[in-house]
Protein backbone atom coordinates (compact mmCIF):
# COMPACT_ATOMS: atom_id res chain seq x y z
CA MET A 1 -0.06 0.00 -0.02
CA GLU A 2 2.86 2.41 0.81
CA ILE A 3 4.21 1.84 -2.70
CA ILE A 4 0.83 2.46 -4.21
CA VAL A 5 0.42 5.60 -2.24
CA TYR A 6 3.63 7.19 -2.38
CA GLY A 7 4.26 6.08 -5.96
CA THR A 8 1.13 8.16 -7.02
CA ILE A 9 2.43 10.95 -5.08
CA ASN A 10 5.92 10.73 -6.70
CA SER A 11 4.30 10.21 -10.04
CA VAL A 12 2.16 13.59 -9.76
CA SER A 13 5.21 15.35 -8.41
CA LEU A 14 7.27 14.58 -11.68
CA ALA A 15 4.40 15.26 -13.92
CA LEU A 16 3.90 18.70 -12.25
CA MET A 17 7.86 19.25 -12.95
CA ALA A 18 7.74 18.37 -16.45
CA LEU A 19 4.60 19.70 -17.82
CA GLY A 20 6.16 23.23 -18.38
CA PHE A 21 9.05 21.72 -20.25
CA ALA A 22 6.90 19.56 -22.36
CA MET A 23 4.59 22.44 -23.23
CA VAL A 24 7.38 24.67 -24.45
CA TYR A 25 8.91 22.10 -26.66
CA GLY A 26 5.52 20.93 -27.85
CA VAL A 27 4.45 24.23 -29.17
CA SER A 28 7.93 26.09 -30.22
CA ARG A 29 10.32 23.03 -30.35
CA VAL A 30 12.60 24.83 -28.27
CA PRO A 31 14.18 22.73 -25.38
CA ASN A 32 13.99 24.91 -22.50
CA PHE A 33 16.95 24.18 -20.39
CA ALA A 34 16.25 27.11 -17.99
CA HIS A 35 13.14 25.22 -16.86
CA GLY A 36 14.95 24.14 -13.22
CA ALA A 37 15.93 27.64 -12.84
CA LEU A 38 12.45 29.19 -13.33
CA TYR A 39 11.31 26.34 -11.01
CA ILE A 40 13.67 27.74 -8.22
CA ILE A 41 13.37 31.39 -9.10
CA CYS A 42 9.50 31.11 -8.49
CA GLY A 43 10.17 29.52 -5.02
CA PHE A 44 12.74 32.26 -4.09
CA SER A 45 10.42 35.03 -5.30
CA CYS A 46 7.34 33.80 -3.26
CA TRP A 47 9.76 33.53 -0.31
CA ILE A 48 11.07 37.06 -0.72
CA ILE A 49 7.68 38.56 -1.49
CA MET A 50 6.28 37.02 1.66
CA ASN A 51 9.37 37.30 4.19
CA LYS A 52 10.81 40.69 3.15
CA LEU A 53 7.82 42.64 1.77
CA GLY A 54 5.37 41.41 4.34
CA ILE A 55 2.76 40.17 1.74
CA ASN A 56 0.13 37.57 2.50
CA TYR A 57 1.17 34.10 1.29
CA PHE A 58 -1.76 33.62 -0.95
CA PHE A 59 -0.97 36.96 -2.83
CA SER A 60 2.82 36.39 -2.66
CA ILE A 61 2.05 33.21 -4.87
CA PHE A 62 0.18 34.98 -7.42
CA LEU A 63 2.82 37.54 -7.80
CA ALA A 64 5.66 35.04 -7.80
CA LEU A 65 3.74 33.16 -10.51
CA ALA A 66 3.31 36.45 -12.57
CA ILE A 67 6.86 37.25 -12.21
CA ASN A 68 7.86 33.75 -13.50
CA GLY A 69 5.87 34.07 -16.35
CA LEU A 70 7.09 37.53 -17.22
CA ILE A 71 10.69 36.03 -16.93
CA GLY A 72 9.57 33.19 -19.19
CA ALA A 73 8.32 35.57 -22.12
CA LEU A 74 11.30 37.98 -21.72
CA MET A 75 13.60 34.84 -22.18
CA TYR A 76 12.03 34.01 -25.53
CA ARG A 77 11.54 37.68 -26.74
CA PHE A 78 15.35 38.80 -26.10
CA VAL A 79 17.41 35.59 -26.30
CA LEU A 80 15.78 32.34 -27.73
CA ILE A 81 13.74 34.01 -30.56
CA ARG A 82 17.51 34.90 -32.00
CA VAL A 83 18.50 31.27 -32.14
CA ARG A 84 15.17 29.50 -32.78
CA GLY A 85 15.66 26.82 -35.22
CA MET A 86 19.39 26.32 -34.42
CA ASN A 87 19.09 23.17 -32.24
CA ILE A 88 22.37 23.37 -30.54
CA SER A 89 22.09 27.07 -29.75
CA GLU A 90 18.70 26.81 -28.43
CA ILE A 91 20.16 24.21 -25.93
CA ILE A 92 23.26 26.42 -25.04
CA GLY A 93 21.38 29.56 -24.84
CA SER A 94 18.72 28.30 -22.54
CA TYR A 95 21.06 26.49 -20.50
CA ALA A 96 23.28 29.51 -20.22
CA ILE A 97 20.57 31.48 -19.03
CA GLY A 98 19.57 28.78 -16.31
CA LEU A 99 22.92 28.48 -15.11
CA ALA A 100 23.39 32.15 -14.86
CA ILE A 101 20.06 32.38 -12.60
CA LEU A 102 20.92 29.44 -10.42
CA GLU A 103 24.49 30.40 -9.82
CA GLY A 104 23.53 34.02 -9.74
CA LEU A 105 21.32 32.98 -6.76
CA ARG A 106 23.95 31.13 -5.05
CA TRP A 107 26.31 33.92 -5.44
CA GLY A 108 23.79 36.38 -3.77
CA GLY A 109 23.50 34.21 -0.92
CA PHE A 110 20.43 31.94 -1.43
CA LYS A 111 21.94 29.00 -0.37
CA GLY A 112 21.63 26.45 2.81
CA MET A 113 18.48 25.26 4.42
CA THR A 114 17.27 28.51 5.72
CA TYR A 115 14.61 29.15 3.04
CA THR A 116 11.43 27.31 3.39
CA LEU A 117 7.73 27.79 2.31
CA PRO A 118 4.78 26.72 4.61
CA VAL A 119 2.70 23.90 3.82
CA PHE A 120 -0.83 24.67 2.45
CA MET A 121 -2.70 22.48 5.18
CA GLU A 122 -1.22 21.11 8.37
CA GLY A 123 -1.86 17.67 9.52
CA SER A 124 -2.14 14.00 8.00
CA ILE A 125 -4.60 11.26 7.24
CA ILE A 126 -4.50 7.67 7.07
CA ILE A 127 -5.09 6.11 3.91
CA GLY A 128 -4.98 2.24 3.82
CA GLY A 129 -2.81 2.14 6.65
CA VAL A 130 -0.49 4.72 5.40
CA PRO A 131 -0.16 8.12 6.90
CA VAL A 132 -0.05 10.85 4.08
CA ASP A 133 -0.19 14.78 5.07
CA TYR A 134 -2.79 16.86 3.79
CA HIS A 135 -0.36 19.00 1.69
CA ARG A 136 0.51 15.95 -0.39
CA ILE A 137 -2.97 15.12 -1.09
CA LEU A 138 -3.67 18.65 -1.90
CA MET A 139 -0.90 18.58 -4.08
CA MET A 140 -2.07 15.53 -5.91
CA LEU A 141 -5.58 16.90 -6.49
CA ILE A 142 -4.23 20.24 -7.82
CA GLY A 143 -1.98 18.20 -10.20
CA ILE A 144 -5.03 16.18 -11.56
CA PHE A 145 -6.96 19.66 -11.86
CA LEU A 146 -3.98 21.24 -13.84
CA VAL A 147 -3.78 18.63 -16.12
CA ALA A 148 -7.56 18.72 -16.93
CA MET A 149 -7.70 22.38 -17.10
CA LEU A 150 -4.71 22.32 -19.45
CA TRP A 151 -6.71 19.76 -21.68
CA ILE A 152 -9.82 21.77 -21.70
CA PHE A 153 -7.65 25.13 -22.32
CA THR A 154 -5.88 23.54 -25.31
CA HIS A 155 -9.34 21.98 -26.96
CA TYR A 156 -11.79 24.63 -26.29
CA THR A 157 -10.10 28.19 -26.29
CA LYS A 158 -8.84 30.28 -29.14
CA ILE A 159 -5.42 30.57 -27.83
CA GLY A 160 -5.22 26.98 -26.65
CA LEU A 161 -6.15 25.76 -30.30
CA ALA A 162 -3.70 28.15 -31.87
CA LEU A 163 -0.97 26.41 -29.53
CA GLN A 164 -2.14 23.16 -30.53
CA GLY A 165 -2.14 24.01 -34.23
CA MET A 166 1.56 25.43 -33.61
CA ALA A 167 2.57 22.13 -32.04
CA GLN A 168 1.13 19.86 -34.73
CA ASP A 169 1.98 21.78 -37.96
CA GLU A 170 3.81 25.27 -37.51
CA ARG A 171 3.70 25.91 -41.33
CA ALA A 172 -0.02 25.16 -41.68
CA ALA A 173 -0.59 27.57 -38.51
CA LEU A 174 1.50 30.28 -40.26
CA MET A 175 -0.41 29.94 -43.40
CA LEU A 176 -3.74 30.44 -41.40
CA GLY A 177 -2.12 33.59 -39.89
CA ILE A 178 -1.06 32.43 -36.47
CA ASP A 179 2.01 34.45 -35.28
CA SER A 180 4.40 31.58 -34.44
CA ASP A 181 6.68 34.17 -32.08
CA LEU A 182 3.69 35.38 -30.38
CA MET A 183 2.52 31.62 -29.78
CA ALA A 184 6.14 30.59 -28.79
CA THR A 185 6.39 33.71 -26.30
CA LEU A 186 2.84 32.52 -24.68
CA ALA A 187 4.30 28.96 -24.56
CA MET A 188 7.35 30.11 -22.63
CA ALA A 189 5.19 32.17 -20.18
CA PHE A 190 2.78 29.30 -19.58
CA GLY A 191 5.79 26.87 -19.29
CA ALA A 192 7.45 29.33 -16.77
CA ILE A 193 4.10 29.43 -14.72
CA LEU A 194 3.80 25.78 -14.83
CA ALA A 195 7.27 25.48 -13.44
CA GLY A 196 6.28 27.91 -10.92
CA ILE A 197 3.23 26.05 -9.83
CA ALA A 198 5.09 22.99 -9.55
CA ALA A 199 7.56 24.77 -7.40
CA LEU A 200 4.97 26.17 -5.07
CA LEU A 201 3.49 22.84 -4.64
CA ILE A 202 6.57 20.84 -3.88
CA LEU A 203 8.99 23.08 -2.28
CA PRO A 204 6.87 23.40 0.98
CA LEU A 205 7.83 19.61 1.66
CA GLY A 206 11.37 20.61 1.81
CA ASN A 207 13.87 23.38 1.41
CA ILE A 208 14.37 26.03 -1.36
CA VAL A 209 18.02 25.15 -2.56
CA VAL A 210 19.59 25.88 -5.69
CA GLU A 211 20.58 22.22 -6.26
CA SER A 212 16.75 21.61 -6.77
CA GLY A 213 17.03 23.46 -10.13
CA TYR A 214 19.26 21.04 -11.54
CA HIS A 215 17.28 18.02 -9.92
CA VAL A 216 14.03 19.26 -11.74
CA LEU A 217 15.60 19.92 -14.99
CA ILE A 218 17.31 16.32 -15.28
CA MET A 219 13.95 14.94 -14.18
CA SER A 220 11.68 16.70 -16.53
CA ILE A 221 14.08 15.83 -19.36
CA ALA A 222 13.73 12.03 -18.42
CA VAL A 223 10.09 12.40 -18.25
CA CYS A 224 9.77 14.03 -21.59
CA ILE A 225 12.16 11.73 -23.67
CA VAL A 226 10.56 8.56 -22.04
CA GLY A 227 7.12 10.12 -22.77
CA GLY A 228 8.14 11.46 -26.22
CA LEU A 229 9.28 14.83 -26.82
CA GLY A 230 6.39 17.12 -27.82
CA SER A 231 3.65 14.74 -26.14
CA TRP A 232 1.95 16.16 -22.98
CA MET A 233 0.10 12.99 -22.43
CA GLY A 234 3.26 10.88 -22.93
CA ALA A 235 4.81 13.17 -20.23
CA ILE A 236 2.37 12.10 -17.76
CA VAL A 237 2.47 8.43 -18.57
CA ALA A 238 6.19 8.55 -18.39
CA ALA A 239 5.86 10.47 -15.02
CA PHE A 240 3.84 7.43 -13.60
CA LEU A 241 6.29 4.90 -15.04
CA ILE A 242 9.49 6.52 -13.52
CA GLY A 243 7.66 7.61 -10.43
CA PHE A 244 6.54 4.13 -9.48
CA THR A 245 9.97 2.67 -10.59
CA GLN A 246 11.89 5.23 -8.27
CA ILE A 247 9.47 4.32 -5.27
CA LEU A 248 10.37 0.60 -5.87
CA THR A 249 13.96 1.42 -6.00
CA VAL A 250 13.66 3.22 -2.57
CA VAL A 251 12.01 0.53 -1.05
CA TYR A 252 14.23 -2.61 -2.42
CA ILE A 253 17.44 -1.02 -3.13
CA GLY A 254 18.13 2.53 -1.62
CA SER A 255 17.02 6.23 -1.85
CA HIS A 256 20.17 7.33 -3.55
CA PHE A 257 19.55 5.32 -6.51
CA GLN A 258 16.43 7.39 -7.56
CA MET A 259 18.69 9.68 -9.83
CA VAL A 260 19.92 6.51 -11.39
CA VAL A 261 16.49 5.36 -12.31
CA ALA A 262 16.04 8.76 -14.29
CA ILE A 263 19.40 8.51 -16.26
CA LEU A 264 18.90 5.01 -16.94
CA ALA A 265 15.31 5.78 -18.24
CA ILE A 266 16.97 8.42 -20.65
CA ILE A 267 19.69 5.93 -21.89
CA LEU A 268 17.37 2.81 -22.39
CA THR A 269 14.77 5.08 -24.29
CA LEU A 270 17.43 6.56 -26.47
CA ILE A 271 18.54 3.00 -27.36
CA LEU A 272 15.55 1.11 -27.61
CA LYS A 273 13.09 3.90 -28.86
CA PRO A 274 14.42 7.04 -29.49
CA SER A 275 11.26 8.78 -30.13
CA GLY A 276 9.88 7.79 -26.84
CA LEU A 277 6.60 6.19 -26.02
CA PHE A 278 4.12 8.81 -27.84
CA GLY A 279 6.83 10.82 -29.85
CA LYS A 280 6.57 11.63 -33.27
CA GLN A 281 10.27 12.13 -34.26
CA HIS A 282 11.74 9.78 -36.97
CA GLU A 283 13.27 6.57 -35.79
CA LEU A 284 16.71 5.86 -36.88
CA GLU A 285 15.63 3.39 -39.85
CA GLU A 286 13.31 6.21 -40.99
CA ARG A 287 16.27 8.48 -41.49
CA VAL A 288 18.78 6.09 -42.92
């Protein structure tokens, strides 16, 4: 029962981490390697707004998400737009931004275990004989609700349909008058907000540390590669596969092998099925 309960919680956490990365790549085909930095900067922004400016926690969350969305949009408009379509330059450019943010935070003194966010709800409940705190349950419910809202947004709103059109066929979308750079900017902003939501749900369970940014980036890449780059639903399925595998690894081998599971998942997927579970990239035999 512990494996089922905590495997589900871990899987939802991974899905939350990866949604923003999957959305940005799915729409703009830009691999946002600053995703982990956006995750951490939202946590620190919320902490600063709440503790230094004395603003209510609830409003601090909305301000931090707004700041994160703005940073994501500015990243695309001033840097990534200039290298879009150049795959290596996109990776180097976005990773350089993320590295500058994370190491800038470390250099500015945001390190150690002193930065924490309060949980949304205190207390715990027993599920099938397993104690689970209310914050984790709320995180799962918000994660499920977020995925449902994203599906509704992309299928039943004008902006969402435009984003979906860009993801399916950019040239056809351009012929229909959809501004690709505007959609990519919105995707970056939405991706940054999704990274921020994941941060504000997961970080209260621990401390805000710079190293978490690198961890989140690796886990997001693993989930998206296994699920198939550009597939949002593939990312969710992969999150559950990796999430449960990590919990089984913790139970039967040891907690320090969790990252090994993610790295092995990336390597095995690239060897056996490079396009991932639901990806649409050409396989090796199709390219030769």
